């Protein structure tokens, strides 16, 4: 990386640190690349990561569920309270809470299904 970019090792290390609250919503290909981090030319053993969660949410959630989950969890920008999300989406805090619970259940079920497959 150092030879290709011309950056110092110190700068490269700082750039590789990922601030999870500032990640934008990624598509499936980008989320897979986020998980496969190379270390000294060898790919590390890979467990579940943020990219897997994003890919799973993109596949298994409806748009409204995905939007509320990403905003609540902080994957899409800054973390937001459910009351604030409810006001901005004109659903109300109670309905936003219901949708978030449903989204979490779907993600848990999809994760279990993926592990057992």
C-alpha atoms as a PDB file:
ATOM      1  CA  UNK A   1       0.000   0.000   0.000  1.00  0.00           C
ATOM      2  CA  UNK A   2       2.848   2.332   0.898  1.00  0.00           C
ATOM      3  CA  UNK A   3       4.477   1.975  -2.532  1.00  0.00           C
ATOM      4  CA  UNK A   4       1.197   2.336  -4.426  1.00  0.00           C
ATOM      5  CA  UNK A   5      -0.046   5.420  -2.587  1.00  0.00           C
ATOM      6  CA  UNK A   6       3.130   7.127  -1.496  1.00  0.00           C
ATOM      7  CA  UNK A   7       1.714   7.588   2.030  1.00  0.00           C
ATOM      8  CA  UNK A   8       3.796   6.971   5.139  1.00  0.00           C
ATOM      9  CA  UNK A   9       3.158   3.860   7.240  1.00  0.00           C
ATOM     10  CA  UNK A  10       1.802   5.997  10.059  1.00  0.00           C
ATOM     11  CA  UNK A  11      -0.736   7.681   7.773  1.00  0.00           C
ATOM     12  CA  UNK A  12      -1.830   4.332   6.315  1.00  0.00           C
ATOM     13  CA  UNK A  13      -2.427   2.920   9.810  1.00  0.00           C
ATOM     14  CA  UNK A  14      -4.546   5.950  10.721  1.00  0.00           C
ATOM     15  CA  UNK A  15      -6.572   5.607   7.523  1.00  0.00           C
ATOM     16  CA  UNK A  16      -7.256   1.926   8.156  1.00  0.00           C
ATOM     17  CA  UNK A  17      -8.962   2.664  11.471  1.00  0.00           C
ATOM     18  CA  UNK A  18     -12.701   2.574  10.773  1.00  0.00           C
ATOM     19  CA  UNK A  19     -15.067   4.808  12.707  1.00  0.00           C
ATOM     20  CA  UNK A  20     -18.200   2.645  12.683  1.00  0.00           C
ATOM     21  CA  UNK A  21     -20.518   5.551  13.347  1.00  0.00           C
ATOM     22  CA  UNK A  22     -19.397   7.274  10.165  1.00  0.00           C
ATOM     23  CA  UNK A  23     -19.785   4.322   7.815  1.00  0.00           C
ATOM     24  CA  UNK A  24     -22.324   4.885   5.110  1.00  0.00           C
ATOM     25  CA  UNK A  25     -24.686   2.158   4.024  1.00  0.00           C
ATOM     26  CA  UNK A  26     -22.731  -0.208   1.840  1.00  0.00           C
ATOM     27  CA  UNK A  27     -23.889  -2.530  -0.888  1.00  0.00           C
ATOM     28  CA  UNK A  28     -23.155  -6.261  -0.605  1.00  0.00           C
ATOM     29  CA  UNK A  29     -19.879  -6.175  -2.567  1.00  0.00           C
ATOM     30  CA  UNK A  30     -18.466  -3.333  -0.472  1.00  0.00           C
ATOM     31  CA  UNK A  31     -19.589  -4.974   2.772  1.00  0.00           C
ATOM     32  CA  UNK A  32     -17.733  -8.170   1.829  1.00  0.00           C
ATOM     33  CA  UNK A  33     -14.587  -6.152   1.135  1.00  0.00           C
ATOM     34  CA  UNK A  34     -14.955  -4.428   4.495  1.00  0.00           C
ATOM     35  CA  UNK A  35     -14.757  -7.796   6.255  1.00  0.00           C
ATOM     36  CA  UNK A  36     -11.847  -9.269   4.292  1.00  0.00           C
ATOM     37  CA  UNK A  37      -9.077  -7.134   5.742  1.00  0.00           C
ATOM     38  CA  UNK A  38      -5.600  -8.203   4.698  1.00  0.00           C
ATOM     39  CA  UNK A  39      -2.786  -8.221   7.238  1.00  0.00           C
ATOM     40  CA  UNK A  40       0.778  -8.640   5.878  1.00  0.00           C
ATOM     41  CA  UNK A  41      -0.531 -10.256   2.700  1.00  0.00           C
ATOM     42  CA  UNK A  42      -2.564 -12.914   4.526  1.00  0.00           C
ATOM     43  CA  UNK A  43      -6.316 -12.706   5.018  1.00  0.00           C
ATOM     44  CA  UNK A  44      -7.171 -13.052   8.681  1.00  0.00           C
ATOM     45  CA  UNK A  45      -9.658 -15.629   9.871  1.00  0.00           C
ATOM     46  CA  UNK A  46     -12.960 -13.844   9.505  1.00  0.00           C
ATOM     47  CA  UNK A  47     -15.830 -13.909  11.931  1.00  0.00           C
ATOM     48  CA  UNK A  48     -19.036 -11.876  11.862  1.00  0.00           C
ATOM     49  CA  UNK A  49     -18.435  -8.188  11.251  1.00  0.00           C
ATOM     50  CA  UNK A  50     -20.234  -4.953  10.475  1.00  0.00           C
ATOM     51  CA  UNK A  51     -20.178  -5.701   6.749  1.00  0.00           C
ATOM     52  CA  UNK A  52     -22.012  -8.976   7.351  1.00  0.00           C
ATOM     53  CA  UNK A  53     -24.687  -7.143   9.327  1.00  0.00           C
ATOM     54  CA  UNK A  54     -25.146  -4.573   6.557  1.00  0.00           C
ATOM     55  CA  UNK A  55     -25.394  -7.274   3.891  1.00  0.00           C
ATOM     56  CA  UNK A  56     -27.856  -9.273   5.978  1.00  0.00           C
ATOM     57  CA  UNK A  57     -30.010  -6.181   6.572  1.00  0.00           C
ATOM     58  CA  UNK A  58     -29.990  -5.313   2.861  1.00  0.00           C
ATOM     59  CA  UNK A  59     -31.171  -8.830   1.982  1.00  0.00           C
ATOM     60  CA  UNK A  60     -33.729  -9.511   4.694  1.00  0.00           C
ATOM     61  CA  UNK A  61     -35.345  -6.201   5.692  1.00  0.00           C
ATOM     62  CA  UNK A  62     -37.945  -4.049   3.968  1.00  0.00           C
ATOM     63  CA  UNK A  63     -37.007  -0.437   3.183  1.00  0.00           C
ATOM     64  CA  UNK A  64     -38.747   1.151   6.187  1.00  0.00           C
ATOM     65  CA  UNK A  65     -37.315  -1.454   8.569  1.00  0.00           C
ATOM     66  CA  UNK A  66     -33.860  -1.017   7.086  1.00  0.00           C
ATOM     67  CA  UNK A  67     -34.013   2.782   7.366  1.00  0.00           C
ATOM     68  CA  UNK A  68     -35.121   2.716  11.004  1.00  0.00           C
ATOM     69  CA  UNK A  69     -32.584   0.027  11.971  1.00  0.00           C
ATOM     70  CA  UNK A  70     -29.667   1.821  10.269  1.00  0.00           C
ATOM     71  CA  UNK A  71     -30.571   5.173  11.817  1.00  0.00           C
ATOM     72  CA  UNK A  72     -31.129   3.675  15.290  1.00  0.00           C
ATOM     73  CA  UNK A  73     -27.898   1.630  15.250  1.00  0.00           C
ATOM     74  CA  UNK A  74     -25.740   4.432  13.865  1.00  0.00           C
ATOM     75  CA  UNK A  75     -24.709   2.538  10.730  1.00  0.00           C
ATOM     76  CA  UNK A  76     -26.109   5.329   8.568  1.00  0.00           C
ATOM     77  CA  UNK A  77     -24.692   8.456  10.153  1.00  0.00           C
ATOM     78  CA  UNK A  78     -25.155   9.435  13.782  1.00  0.00           C
ATOM     79  CA  UNK A  79     -27.208   7.265  16.158  1.00  0.00           C
ATOM     80  CA  UNK A  80     -30.720   8.600  16.639  1.00  0.00           C
ATOM     81  CA  UNK A  81     -33.368   8.099  19.305  1.00  0.00           C
ATOM     82  CA  UNK A  82     -36.534   6.275  18.321  1.00  0.00           C
ATOM     83  CA  UNK A  83     -38.644   9.299  19.217  1.00  0.00           C
ATOM     84  CA  UNK A  84     -36.616  11.437  16.813  1.00  0.00           C
ATOM     85  CA  UNK A  85     -36.819   8.797  14.060  1.00  0.00           C
ATOM     86  CA  UNK A  86     -40.573   8.514  14.620  1.00  0.00           C
ATOM     87  CA  UNK A  87     -41.054  12.279  14.288  1.00  0.00           C
ATOM     88  CA  UNK A  88     -38.947  12.546  11.130  1.00  0.00           C
ATOM     89  CA  UNK A  89     -40.641   9.598   9.417  1.00  0.00           C
ATOM     90  CA  UNK A  90     -44.083  10.749  10.629  1.00  0.00           C
ATOM     91  CA  UNK A  91     -44.782   7.336  12.189  1.00  0.00           C
ATOM     92  CA  UNK A  92     -44.590   8.177  15.865  1.00  0.00           C
ATOM     93  CA  UNK A  93     -42.248   6.737  18.472  1.00  0.00           C
ATOM     94  CA  UNK A  94     -44.466   3.727  19.231  1.00  0.00           C
ATOM     95  CA  UNK A  95     -44.717   2.648  15.591  1.00  0.00           C
ATOM     96  CA  UNK A  96     -40.958   3.176  15.083  1.00  0.00           C
ATOM     97  CA  UNK A  97     -40.312   0.970  18.128  1.00  0.00           C
ATOM     98  CA  UNK A  98     -42.577  -1.746  16.729  1.00  0.00           C
ATOM     99  CA  UNK A  99     -40.818  -1.635  13.365  1.00  0.00           C
ATOM    100  CA  UNK A 100     -37.378  -1.754  15.020  1.00  0.00           C
ATOM    101  CA  UNK A 101     -38.365  -4.804  17.094  1.00  0.00           C
ATOM    102  CA  UNK A 102     -39.651  -6.534  13.962  1.00  0.00           C
ATOM    103  CA  UNK A 103     -36.414  -5.713  12.118  1.00  0.00           C
ATOM    104  CA  UNK A 104     -34.290  -7.107  14.971  1.00  0.00           C
ATOM    105  CA  UNK A 105     -36.318 -10.337  14.997  1.00  0.00           C
ATOM    106  CA  UNK A 106     -35.887 -10.721  11.233  1.00  0.00           C
ATOM    107  CA  UNK A 107     -32.141 -10.113  11.479  1.00  0.00           C
ATOM    108  CA  UNK A 108     -31.748 -12.628  14.308  1.00  0.00           C
ATOM    109  CA  UNK A 109     -33.693 -15.252  12.371  1.00  0.00           C
ATOM    110  CA  UNK A 110     -31.697 -14.597   9.198  1.00  0.00           C
ATOM    111  CA  UNK A 111     -28.419 -14.798  11.137  1.00  0.00           C
ATOM    112  CA  UNK A 112     -29.414 -18.113  12.725  1.00  0.00           C
ATOM    113  CA  UNK A 113     -30.419 -19.438   9.311  1.00  0.00           C
ATOM    114  CA  UNK A 114     -27.092 -18.341   7.828  1.00  0.00           C
ATOM    115  CA  UNK A 115     -25.104 -20.004  10.641  1.00  0.00           C
ATOM    116  CA  UNK A 116     -27.066 -23.254  10.407  1.00  0.00           C
ATOM    117  CA  UNK A 117     -26.794 -23.439   6.616  1.00  0.00           C
END
